[in-house]
Every structure is written in structure tokens, then in C-alpha cells.
PDB file of N, CA and C in Angstrom:
ATOM      1  N   UNK A   1     102.020  76.836  77.885  1.00  0.00           N
ATOM      2  CA  UNK A   1     100.687  76.838  78.314  1.00  0.00           C
ATOM      3  C   UNK A   1      99.822  77.844  77.602  1.00  0.00           C
ATOM      4  N   UNK A   2      98.575  77.540  77.462  1.00  0.00           N
ATOM      5  CA  UNK A   2      97.675  78.401  76.666  1.00  0.00           C
ATOM      6  C   UNK A   2      97.262  79.659  77.588  1.00  0.00           C
ATOM      7  N   UNK A   3      97.146  80.669  77.025  1.00  0.00           N
ATOM      8  CA  UNK A   3      96.650  81.854  77.766  1.00  0.00           C
ATOM      9  C   UNK A   3      95.405  81.742  78.545  1.00  0.00           C
ATOM     10  N   UNK A   4      94.440  80.928  77.965  1.00  0.00           N
ATOM     11  CA  UNK A   4      93.212  80.716  78.654  1.00  0.00           C
ATOM     12  C   UNK A   4      93.485  79.888  80.006  1.00  0.00           C
ATOM     13  N   UNK A   5      94.357  78.927  79.906  1.00  0.00           N
ATOM     14  CA  UNK A   5      94.629  78.148  81.033  1.00  0.00           C
ATOM     15  C   UNK A   5      95.384  78.965  82.164  1.00  0.00           C
ATOM     16  N   UNK A   6      96.225  79.790  81.730  1.00  0.00           N
ATOM     17  CA  UNK A   6      96.878  80.715  82.631  1.00  0.00           C
ATOM     18  C   UNK A   6      95.827  81.694  83.309  1.00  0.00           C
ATOM     19  N   UNK A   7      94.893  82.236  82.528  1.00  0.00           N
ATOM     20  CA  UNK A   7      93.889  83.065  83.130  1.00  0.00           C
ATOM     21  C   UNK A   7      93.084  82.440  84.070  1.00  0.00           C
ATOM     22  N   UNK A   8      92.574  81.152  83.675  1.00  0.00           N
ATOM     23  CA  UNK A   8      91.683  80.389  84.485  1.00  0.00           C
ATOM     24  C   UNK A   8      92.443  80.088  85.853  1.00  0.00           C
ATOM     25  N   UNK A   9      93.751  79.705  85.749  1.00  0.00           N
ATOM     26  CA  UNK A   9      94.494  79.359  86.949  1.00  0.00           C
ATOM     27  C   UNK A   9      94.677  80.520  87.842  1.00  0.00           C
ATOM     28  N   UNK A  10      95.036  81.756  87.269  1.00  0.00           N
ATOM     29  CA  UNK A  10      95.310  82.982  88.099  1.00  0.00           C
ATOM     30  C   UNK A  10      94.009  83.371  88.674  1.00  0.00           C
ATOM     31  N   UNK A  11      92.993  83.255  87.927  1.00  0.00           N
ATOM     32  CA  UNK A  11      91.632  83.622  88.502  1.00  0.00           C
ATOM     33  C   UNK A  11      91.232  82.812  89.838  1.00  0.00           C
ATOM     34  N   UNK A  12      91.875  81.672  89.936  1.00  0.00           N
ATOM     35  CA  UNK A  12      91.566  80.855  91.028  1.00  0.00           C
ATOM     36  C   UNK A  12      92.578  80.777  92.056  1.00  0.00           C
ATOM     37  N   UNK A  13      93.628  81.763  92.020  1.00  0.00           N
ATOM     38  CA  UNK A  13      94.727  81.694  92.919  1.00  0.00           C
ATOM     39  C   UNK A  13      94.242  82.056  94.286  1.00  0.00           C
ATOM     40  N   UNK A  14      93.509  83.002  94.523  1.00  0.00           N
ATOM     41  CA  UNK A  14      92.975  83.524  95.855  1.00  0.00           C
ATOM     42  C   UNK A  14      92.160  82.419  96.621  1.00  0.00           C
ATOM     43  N   UNK A  15      91.317  81.845  95.786  1.00  0.00           N
ATOM     44  CA  UNK A  15      90.577  80.630  96.352  1.00  0.00           C
ATOM     45  C   UNK A  15      91.473  79.467  96.690  1.00  0.00           C
ATOM     46  N   UNK A  16      92.506  79.282  95.809  1.00  0.00           N
ATOM     47  CA  UNK A  16      93.403  78.177  96.120  1.00  0.00           C
ATOM     48  C   UNK A  16      94.133  78.450  97.419  1.00  0.00           C
ATOM     49  N   UNK A  17      94.671  79.620  97.581  1.00  0.00           N
ATOM     50  CA  UNK A  17      95.331  80.029  98.741  1.00  0.00           C
ATOM     51  C   UNK A  17      94.533  79.896 100.046  1.00  0.00           C
ATOM     52  N   UNK A  18      93.252  80.247  99.866  1.00  0.00           N
ATOM     53  CA  UNK A  18      92.264  80.248 101.011  1.00  0.00           C
ATOM     54  C   UNK A  18      91.698  78.762 101.253  1.00  0.00           C
ATOM     55  N   UNK A  19      92.167  77.798 100.315  1.00  0.00           N
ATOM     56  CA  UNK A  19      91.736  76.541 100.395  1.00  0.00           C
ATOM     57  C   UNK A  19      90.196  76.392 100.282  1.00  0.00           C
ATOM     58  N   UNK A  20      89.685  77.138  99.341  1.00  0.00           N
ATOM     59  CA  UNK A  20      88.278  77.222  99.181  1.00  0.00           C
ATOM     60  C   UNK A  20      87.812  76.664  97.773  1.00  0.00           C
ATOM     61  N   UNK A  21      88.808  75.803  97.113  1.00  0.00           N
ATOM     62  CA  UNK A  21      88.468  75.100  95.860  1.00  0.00           C
ATOM     63  C   UNK A  21      88.070  73.783  96.015  1.00  0.00           C
ATOM     64  N   UNK A  22      87.094  73.231  95.188  1.00  0.00           N
ATOM     65  CA  UNK A  22      86.829  71.748  95.233  1.00  0.00           C
ATOM     66  C   UNK A  22      88.192  71.029  94.788  1.00  0.00           C
ATOM     67  N   UNK A  23      88.232  69.814  95.263  1.00  0.00           N
ATOM     68  CA  UNK A  23      89.416  68.971  94.874  1.00  0.00           C
ATOM     69  C   UNK A  23      89.845  68.983  93.608  1.00  0.00           C
ATOM     70  N   UNK A  24      88.917  68.759  92.658  1.00  0.00           N
ATOM     71  CA  UNK A  24      89.251  68.664  91.281  1.00  0.00           C
ATOM     72  C   UNK A  24      89.779  69.908  90.816  1.00  0.00           C
ATOM     73  N   UNK A  25      89.322  71.115  91.198  1.00  0.00           N
ATOM     74  CA  UNK A  25      89.948  72.342  90.791  1.00  0.00           C
ATOM     75  C   UNK A  25      91.307  72.646  91.401  1.00  0.00           C
ATOM     76  N   UNK A  26      91.408  72.185  92.641  1.00  0.00           N
ATOM     77  CA  UNK A  26      92.784  72.232  93.313  1.00  0.00           C
ATOM     78  C   UNK A  26      93.760  71.534  92.543  1.00  0.00           C
ATOM     79  N   UNK A  27      93.525  70.362  92.002  1.00  0.00           N
ATOM     80  CA  UNK A  27      94.297  69.499  91.221  1.00  0.00           C
ATOM     81  C   UNK A  27      94.739  70.266  89.908  1.00  0.00           C
ATOM     82  N   UNK A  28      93.703  70.925  89.275  1.00  0.00           N
ATOM     83  CA  UNK A  28      93.958  71.543  88.072  1.00  0.00           C
ATOM     84  C   UNK A  28      94.988  72.716  88.204  1.00  0.00           C
ATOM     85  N   UNK A  29      94.713  73.411  89.268  1.00  0.00           N
ATOM     86  CA  UNK A  29      95.657  74.574  89.699  1.00  0.00           C
ATOM     87  C   UNK A  29      97.021  74.020  89.890  1.00  0.00           C
ATOM     88  N   UNK A  30      97.203  73.049  90.582  1.00  0.00           N
ATOM     89  CA  UNK A  30      98.548  72.367  91.064  1.00  0.00           C
ATOM     90  C   UNK A  30      99.189  72.048  89.772  1.00  0.00           C
ATOM     91  N   UNK A  31      98.526  71.349  88.959  1.00  0.00           N
ATOM     92  CA  UNK A  31      99.123  70.636  87.663  1.00  0.00           C
ATOM     93  C   UNK A  31      99.559  71.920  86.792  1.00  0.00           C
ATOM     94  N   UNK A  32      98.776  72.873  86.662  1.00  0.00           N
ATOM     95  CA  UNK A  32      99.102  74.112  85.856  1.00  0.00           C
ATOM     96  C   UNK A  32     100.318  74.629  86.413  1.00  0.00           C
ATOM     97  N   UNK A  33     100.287  75.098  87.810  1.00  0.00           N
ATOM     98  CA  UNK A  33     101.561  75.582  88.389  1.00  0.00           C
ATOM     99  C   UNK A  33     102.825  74.836  88.122  1.00  0.00           C
ATOM    100  N   UNK A  34     102.643  73.488  88.233  1.00  0.00           N
ATOM    101  CA  UNK A  34     103.677  72.653  88.024  1.00  0.00           C
ATOM    102  C   UNK A  34     104.366  72.758  86.546  1.00  0.00           C
ATOM    103  N   UNK A  35     103.715  73.207  85.631  1.00  0.00           N
ATOM    104  CA  UNK A  35     104.224  73.251  84.352  1.00  0.00           C
ATOM    105  C   UNK A  35     104.281  74.689  83.750  1.00  0.00           C
ATOM    106  N   UNK A  36     103.877  75.711  84.502  1.00  0.00           N
ATOM    107  CA  UNK A  36     104.004  76.883  84.008  1.00  0.00           C
ATOM    108  C   UNK A  36     104.790  77.977  84.974  1.00  0.00           C
ATOM    109  N   UNK A  37     105.832  78.247  84.459  1.00  0.00           N
ATOM    110  CA  UNK A  37     106.678  79.120  85.275  1.00  0.00           C
ATOM    111  C   UNK A  37     106.195  80.579  85.504  1.00  0.00           C
ATOM    112  N   UNK A  38     105.511  81.190  84.541  1.00  0.00           N
ATOM    113  CA  UNK A  38     104.852  82.446  84.686  1.00  0.00           C
ATOM    114  C   UNK A  38     103.810  82.443  85.699  1.00  0.00           C
ATOM    115  N   UNK A  39     102.889  81.531  85.702  1.00  0.00           N
ATOM    116  CA  UNK A  39     101.884  81.479  86.757  1.00  0.00           C
ATOM    117  C   UNK A  39     102.536  81.048  88.091  1.00  0.00           C
ATOM    118  N   UNK A  40     103.605  80.208  88.063  1.00  0.00           N
ATOM    119  CA  UNK A  40     104.244  79.845  89.362  1.00  0.00           C
ATOM    120  C   UNK A  40     104.745  81.098  90.058  1.00  0.00           C
ATOM    121  N   UNK A  41     105.386  81.905  89.236  1.00  0.00           N
ATOM    122  CA  UNK A  41     105.865  83.315  89.824  1.00  0.00           C
ATOM    123  C   UNK A  41     104.638  84.261  90.353  1.00  0.00           C
ATOM    124  N   UNK A  42     103.638  84.290  89.570  1.00  0.00           N
ATOM    125  CA  UNK A  42     102.410  85.021  90.002  1.00  0.00           C
ATOM    126  C   UNK A  42     101.818  84.393  91.324  1.00  0.00           C
ATOM    127  N   UNK A  43     101.815  83.157  91.464  1.00  0.00           N
ATOM    128  CA  UNK A  43     101.361  82.408  92.510  1.00  0.00           C
ATOM    129  C   UNK A  43     102.320  82.819  93.726  1.00  0.00           C
ATOM    130  N   UNK A  44     103.507  82.715  93.615  1.00  0.00           N
ATOM    131  CA  UNK A  44     104.512  82.999  94.687  1.00  0.00           C
ATOM    132  C   UNK A  44     104.313  84.486  95.256  1.00  0.00           C
ATOM    133  N   UNK A  45     104.068  85.345  94.332  1.00  0.00           N
ATOM    134  CA  UNK A  45     103.816  86.718  94.759  1.00  0.00           C
ATOM    135  C   UNK A  45     102.599  86.907  95.384  1.00  0.00           C
ATOM    136  N   UNK A  46     101.459  86.279  94.983  1.00  0.00           N
ATOM    137  CA  UNK A  46     100.125  86.313  95.651  1.00  0.00           C
ATOM    138  C   UNK A  46     100.250  85.566  97.043  1.00  0.00           C
ATOM    139  N   UNK A  47     101.135  84.427  96.980  1.00  0.00           N
ATOM    140  CA  UNK A  47     101.134  83.780  98.287  1.00  0.00           C
ATOM    141  C   UNK A  47     101.918  84.691  99.398  1.00  0.00           C
ATOM    142  N   UNK A  48     102.886  85.367  98.945  1.00  0.00           N
ATOM    143  CA  UNK A  48     103.610  86.305  99.878  1.00  0.00           C
ATOM    144  C   UNK A  48     102.747  87.329 100.427  1.00  0.00           C
ATOM    145  N   UNK A  49     101.918  88.034  99.492  1.00  0.00           N
ATOM    146  CA  UNK A  49     100.981  89.012  99.890  1.00  0.00           C
ATOM    147  C   UNK A  49      99.944  88.531 100.852  1.00  0.00           C
ATOM    148  N   UNK A  50      99.521  87.324 100.491  1.00  0.00           N
ATOM    149  CA  UNK A  50      98.380  86.718 101.417  1.00  0.00           C
ATOM    150  C   UNK A  50      99.035  86.400 102.729  1.00  0.00           C
ATOM    151  N   UNK A  51     100.245  85.875 102.796  1.00  0.00           N
ATOM    152  CA  UNK A  51     100.813  85.683 104.047  1.00  0.00           C
ATOM    153  C   UNK A  51     101.166  87.113 104.852  1.00  0.00           C
ATOM    154  N   UNK A  52     101.415  88.090 104.120  1.00  0.00           N
ATOM    155  CA  UNK A  52     101.805  89.375 104.873  1.00  0.00           C
ATOM    156  C   UNK A  52     100.463  89.908 105.387  1.00  0.00           C
ATOM    157  N   UNK A  53      99.434  89.886 104.705  1.00  0.00           N
ATOM    158  CA  UNK A  53      98.059  90.243 105.069  1.00  0.00           C
ATOM    159  C   UNK A  53      97.655  89.490 106.242  1.00  0.00           C
ATOM    160  N   UNK A  54      97.794  88.146 106.313  1.00  0.00           N
ATOM    161  CA  UNK A  54      97.372  87.425 107.264  1.00  0.00           C
ATOM    162  C   UNK A  54      98.141  87.698 108.579  1.00  0.00           C
ATOM    163  N   UNK A  55      99.544  87.811 108.432  1.00  0.00           N
ATOM    164  CA  UNK A  55     100.420  88.178 109.519  1.00  0.00           C
ATOM    165  C   UNK A  55      99.905  89.386 110.288  1.00  0.00           C
ATOM    166  N   UNK A  56      99.650  90.464 109.253  1.00  0.00           N
ATOM    167  CA  UNK A  56      99.318  91.699 109.769  1.00  0.00           C
ATOM    168  C   UNK A  56      98.006  91.722 110.461  1.00  0.00           C
ATOM    169  N   UNK A  57      97.147  91.008 109.994  1.00  0.00           N
ATOM    170  CA  UNK A  57      95.869  90.780 110.610  1.00  0.00           C
ATOM    171  C   UNK A  57      95.928  90.250 111.921  1.00  0.00           C
ATOM    172  N   UNK A  58      96.782  89.296 112.068  1.00  0.00           N
ATOM    173  CA  UNK A  58      96.948  88.536 113.447  1.00  0.00           C
ATOM    174  C   UNK A  58      97.701  89.423 114.404  1.00  0.00           C
ATOM    175  N   UNK A  59      98.647  90.185 113.963  1.00  0.00           N
ATOM    176  CA  UNK A  59      99.373  91.112 114.817  1.00  0.00           C
ATOM    177  C   UNK A  59      98.433  92.357 115.228  1.00  0.00           C
ATOM    178  N   UNK A  60      97.527  92.749 114.355  1.00  0.00           N
ATOM    179  CA  UNK A  60      96.527  93.788 114.673  1.00  0.00           C
ATOM    180  C   UNK A  60      95.531  93.264 115.743  1.00  0.00           C
ATOM    181  N   UNK A  61      95.102  91.998 115.529  1.00  0.00           N
ATOM    182  CA  UNK A  61      94.229  91.316 116.565  1.00  0.00           C
ATOM    183  C   UNK A  61      94.851  91.120 117.911  1.00  0.00           C
ATOM    184  N   UNK A  62      96.102  90.931 117.898  1.00  0.00           N
ATOM    185  CA  UNK A  62      96.824  90.690 119.207  1.00  0.00           C
ATOM    186  C   UNK A  62      96.987  91.852 119.970  1.00  0.00           C
ATOM    187  N   UNK A  63      97.259  92.939 119.085  1.00  0.00           N
ATOM    188  CA  UNK A  63      97.591  94.323 119.560  1.00  0.00           C
ATOM    189  C   UNK A  63      96.169  94.834 120.224  1.00  0.00           C
ATOM    190  N   UNK A  64      95.190  94.652 119.487  1.00  0.00           N
ATOM    191  CA  UNK A  64      93.882  95.058 119.951  1.00  0.00           C
ATOM    192  C   UNK A  64      93.456  94.329 121.372  1.00  0.00           C
ATOM    193  N   UNK A  65      93.697  93.049 121.355  1.00  0.00           N
ATOM    194  CA  UNK A  65      93.377  92.206 122.509  1.00  0.00           C
ATOM    195  C   UNK A  65      94.216  92.760 123.747  1.00  0.00           C
ATOM    196  N   UNK A  66      95.461  92.935 123.442  1.00  0.00           N
ATOM    197  CA  UNK A  66      96.369  93.426 124.561  1.00  0.00           C
ATOM    198  C   UNK A  66      95.878  94.744 125.007  1.00  0.00           C
ATOM    199  N   UNK A  67      95.586  95.630 124.081  1.00  0.00           N
ATOM    200  CA  UNK A  67      95.106  97.011 124.579  1.00  0.00           C
ATOM    201  C   UNK A  67      93.934  96.876 125.376  1.00  0.00           C
ATOM    202  N   UNK A  68      92.925  95.928 124.973  1.00  0.00           N
ATOM    203  CA  UNK A  68      91.631  95.912 125.642  1.00  0.00           C
ATOM    204  C   UNK A  68      91.915  95.287 127.039  1.00  0.00           C
ATOM    205  N   UNK A  69      92.699  94.208 127.041  1.00  0.00           N
ATOM    206  CA  UNK A  69      93.029  93.674 128.382  1.00  0.00           C
ATOM    207  C   UNK A  69      93.713  94.683 129.335  1.00  0.00           C
ATOM    208  N   UNK A  70      94.603  95.366 128.780  1.00  0.00           N
ATOM    209  CA  UNK A  70      95.217  96.507 129.756  1.00  0.00           C
ATOM    210  C   UNK A  70      94.198  97.476 130.058  1.00  0.00           C
ATOM    211  N   UNK A  71      93.442  97.859 129.312  1.00  0.00           N
ATOM    212  CA  UNK A  71      92.396  98.943 129.690  1.00  0.00           C
ATOM    213  C   UNK A  71      91.231  98.325 130.739  1.00  0.00           C
ATOM    214  N   UNK A  72      90.882  96.939 130.535  1.00  0.00           N
ATOM    215  CA  UNK A  72      90.026  96.486 131.427  1.00  0.00           C
ATOM    216  C   UNK A  72      90.677  96.279 132.772  1.00  0.00           C
ATOM    217  N   UNK A  73      91.887  96.044 132.858  1.00  0.00           N
ATOM    218  CA  UNK A  73      92.563  95.739 134.179  1.00  0.00           C
ATOM    219  C   UNK A  73      92.789  97.130 134.755  1.00  0.00           C
ATOM    220  N   UNK A  74      92.950  98.212 134.001  1.00  0.00           N
ATOM    221  CA  UNK A  74      93.157  99.370 134.697  1.00  0.00           C
ATOM    222  C   UNK A  74      91.841 100.064 135.218  1.00  0.00           C
ATOM    223  N   UNK A  75      90.689  99.495 134.822  1.00  0.00           N
ATOM    224  CA  UNK A  75      89.337  99.977 135.239  1.00  0.00           C
ATOM    225  C   UNK A  75      88.973  99.167 136.383  1.00  0.00           C
ATOM    226  N   UNK A  76      89.654  98.045 136.665  1.00  0.00           N
ATOM    227  CA  UNK A  76      89.132  97.176 137.736  1.00  0.00           C
ATOM    228  C   UNK A  76      89.675  97.662 139.158  1.00  0.00           C
TER     229      UNK A  76
END
């Protein structure tokens, strides 16, 4: 794979993970990842990081909601 294709693909990884790319660009990213082991590894790392952040964010939201609910119940 050419270095430019790799750079272009990796520049779009976050948008791809967030499902924010137009269909034609999604297809380009998928096609590139299918044929490039280096970018596939980078994508896997970014995907894991994104999932961890998302999971942490949901945990924090749930914790906040639980604390607020407990606080409101104690004030009633």
C-alpha cells in the first residue's frame, strides 16, 4: 500500500469509528483496511481505545445518575 493511502485512511479512522463518513469514503477505508496489515493494526488499536472511552463514559454517566438519584431520594 502506498504511504499516502495509509495516511488518508488513518486520518479517517476516528470518523469511520463514529460512523460519520459518507458511504463512498467508508468503502475506501474498508477496502484499504482489507489489504493493509499495518493500517488494520492501527485501526484495531484505535477501535479498542474508542470502545474503552465509550465504556468509561457510559460508566461515568451511570454513576452520576445513580448518585443524583440517591441524593434526590435522601432529600425527599
